[in-house]
Amino acid sequence: MDLSHVDGEGRAIMVDVSGKQRVRRTARAAGAILMHADTLGLIRGKLLQKGDALAVARVAGIAAAKRTADLIPLCHNIRIDQVLVDFRLGTDRIDIEASAICTESTGIEMEVLTAVSVAALTLYDMCKAADKDMRITDVRLVEKWKAETA
């Protein structure tokens, strides 16, 4: 298997995308944070001392997507046209989904994965005083696609 971020001598490199056409690309990622039902009740009621956890996590996820190239060393710095972060509350979990759009010569999947991860970490941070048993789980790329032309 050829790895795109490794040269012929096994050294880490940033992939050259200069010859690739800029096209519209989208990606969607998902993950979850598991917690006690009473912790979820605090989130629903906006009763956490740190404030509205979902609003803060949404903004954190969007901001993280925009900073992905600063966090992942070989990731390209791309112009992002849109990032959305959404939550679905269950009885003992919050499902997190992020989607993003760009028109670039490389994909946007790392950005949506980062958005989901940081949104989950933000929820963890905001709830850690109330729940020591939380778990972040199932962070994954759900889909990505690109248009045939820009």
Protein backbone atom coordinates (compact mmCIF):
# COMPACT_ATOMS: atom_id res chain seq x y z
CA MET A 1 0.00 0.00 0.00
CA ASP A 2 1.38 3.40 -0.97
CA LEU A 3 1.04 6.10 1.66
CA SER A 4 0.59 9.57 0.22
CA HIS A 5 2.29 11.32 3.15
CA VAL A 6 5.52 9.31 2.96
CA ASP A 7 8.28 9.72 0.40
CA GLY A 8 10.36 6.94 -1.16
CA GLU A 9 12.73 6.94 1.81
CA GLY A 10 9.98 6.73 4.42
CA ARG A 11 10.05 10.38 5.47
CA ALA A 12 6.86 12.26 6.24
CA ILE A 13 5.95 14.77 3.53
CA MET A 14 3.12 17.10 2.67
CA VAL A 15 1.39 15.90 -0.50
CA ASP A 16 1.77 18.16 -3.55
CA VAL A 17 -1.74 19.05 -4.71
CA SER A 18 -0.68 21.84 -7.06
CA GLY A 19 -1.56 19.79 -10.14
CA LYS A 20 -5.05 18.88 -8.95
CA GLN A 21 -8.11 20.78 -10.12
CA ARG A 22 -10.06 22.84 -7.60
CA VAL A 23 -13.55 21.37 -7.29
CA ARG A 24 -16.41 21.56 -4.82
CA ARG A 25 -15.87 19.00 -2.07
CA THR A 26 -18.03 18.06 0.88
CA ALA A 27 -17.58 15.74 3.82
CA ARG A 28 -19.57 14.60 6.83
CA ALA A 29 -18.27 13.09 10.08
CA ALA A 30 -19.97 11.84 13.21
CA GLY A 31 -19.20 10.78 16.76
CA ALA A 32 -20.81 10.60 20.17
CA ILE A 33 -20.26 11.38 23.81
CA LEU A 34 -21.81 9.01 26.32
CA MET A 35 -22.86 10.35 29.72
CA HIS A 36 -25.24 9.84 32.63
CA ALA A 37 -28.87 10.76 31.97
CA ASP A 38 -28.78 13.38 34.73
CA THR A 39 -25.83 15.08 33.04
CA LEU A 40 -27.83 15.22 29.85
CA GLY A 41 -30.64 16.79 31.88
CA LEU A 42 -28.27 19.57 32.96
CA ILE A 43 -27.36 20.18 29.32
CA ARG A 44 -31.01 20.21 28.21
CA GLY A 45 -31.93 22.64 30.96
CA LYS A 46 -28.84 24.81 30.35
CA LEU A 47 -28.03 24.37 34.03
CA LEU A 48 -24.27 23.82 33.80
CA GLN A 49 -22.14 26.40 35.61
CA LYS A 50 -20.11 26.97 32.44
CA GLY A 51 -23.20 27.89 30.40
CA ASP A 52 -24.93 26.52 27.29
CA ALA A 53 -22.79 23.50 26.50
CA LEU A 54 -24.27 22.84 23.07
CA ALA A 55 -23.81 26.42 21.87
CA VAL A 56 -20.21 26.49 23.08
CA ALA A 57 -19.45 23.06 21.57
CA ARG A 58 -20.96 24.10 18.23
CA VAL A 59 -18.77 27.20 18.03
CA ALA A 60 -15.73 25.22 19.20
CA GLY A 61 -16.28 22.61 16.47
CA ILE A 62 -16.59 25.25 13.77
CA ALA A 63 -13.49 27.09 15.02
CA ALA A 64 -11.55 23.82 15.16
CA ALA A 65 -12.44 22.95 11.57
CA LYS A 66 -11.01 26.30 10.51
CA ARG A 67 -7.76 25.56 12.40
CA THR A 68 -7.25 21.96 11.31
CA ALA A 69 -4.05 22.71 9.37
CA ASP A 70 -2.58 24.19 12.57
CA LEU A 71 -3.29 20.95 14.45
CA ILE A 72 -2.55 18.23 11.87
CA PRO A 73 1.02 18.81 10.62
CA LEU A 74 0.69 17.52 7.04
CA CYS A 75 -2.84 18.80 6.43
CA HIS A 76 -3.29 21.51 3.80
CA ASN A 77 -4.59 24.91 4.79
CA ILE A 78 -7.79 25.22 2.78
CA ARG A 79 -10.47 27.86 2.40
CA ILE A 80 -13.67 26.52 3.94
CA ASP A 81 -16.98 27.73 2.54
CA GLN A 82 -19.21 26.30 5.28
CA VAL A 83 -19.03 24.20 8.43
CA LEU A 84 -22.10 22.94 10.29
CA VAL A 85 -22.06 21.16 13.66
CA ASP A 86 -25.26 19.54 14.90
CA PHE A 87 -26.28 17.53 17.95
CA ARG A 88 -28.91 14.89 18.58
CA LEU A 89 -29.65 14.29 22.25
CA GLY A 90 -30.58 10.81 23.41
CA THR A 91 -31.21 9.52 26.91
CA ASP A 92 -27.56 8.93 27.80
CA ARG A 93 -25.63 10.27 24.81
CA ILE A 94 -25.20 13.15 22.45
CA ASP A 95 -24.59 12.26 18.81
CA ILE A 96 -22.48 14.84 17.02
CA GLU A 97 -22.36 15.44 13.28
CA ALA A 98 -20.28 17.91 11.32
CA SER A 99 -20.42 18.69 7.62
CA ALA A 100 -18.36 21.06 5.54
CA ILE A 101 -17.98 22.41 2.02
CA CYS A 102 -14.97 23.79 0.19
CA THR A 103 -13.83 24.40 -3.37
CA GLU A 104 -10.25 23.20 -3.31
CA SER A 105 -7.72 20.79 -4.80
CA THR A 106 -7.82 18.58 -1.72
CA GLY A 107 -10.57 17.20 0.50
CA ILE A 108 -12.20 18.49 3.65
CA GLU A 109 -12.54 15.27 5.62
CA MET A 110 -9.89 16.16 8.21
CA GLU A 111 -11.79 19.36 8.98
CA VAL A 112 -15.07 17.58 9.74
CA LEU A 113 -13.31 14.94 11.84
CA THR A 114 -11.61 17.72 13.79
CA ALA A 115 -14.91 19.56 14.23
CA VAL A 116 -16.60 16.47 15.71
CA SER A 117 -13.64 15.69 17.95
CA VAL A 118 -13.33 19.20 19.37
CA ALA A 119 -17.10 19.55 19.83
CA ALA A 120 -17.02 16.31 21.85
CA LEU A 121 -14.02 17.46 23.86
CA THR A 122 -15.76 20.75 24.59
CA LEU A 123 -18.83 18.93 25.88
CA TYR A 124 -16.55 16.77 28.01
CA ASP A 125 -14.84 19.84 29.42
CA MET A 126 -18.09 21.61 30.19
CA CYS A 127 -19.61 18.57 31.93
CA LYS A 128 -16.59 16.99 33.64
CA ALA A 129 -17.46 18.41 37.07
CA ALA A 130 -20.88 16.73 36.88
CA ASP A 131 -19.91 13.43 35.26
CA LYS A 132 -16.62 11.57 35.65
CA ASP A 133 -17.77 8.62 33.51
CA MET A 134 -18.25 10.31 30.12
CA ARG A 135 -16.78 8.62 27.05
CA ILE A 136 -16.12 10.02 23.59
CA THR A 137 -16.71 7.30 21.01
CA ASP A 138 -17.25 6.39 17.37
CA VAL A 139 -15.61 9.41 15.72
CA ARG A 140 -15.58 8.56 12.03
CA LEU A 141 -15.87 9.87 8.49
CA VAL A 142 -19.40 9.17 7.26
CA GLU A 143 -19.04 10.35 3.66
CA LYS A 144 -17.07 12.57 1.34
CA TRP A 145 -17.60 13.50 -2.25
CA LYS A 146 -16.42 15.90 -4.89
CA ALA A 147 -18.09 17.45 -7.90
CA GLU A 148 -16.78 16.53 -11.32
CA THR A 149 -16.09 20.19 -12.17
CA ALA A 150 -15.90 23.44 -10.24
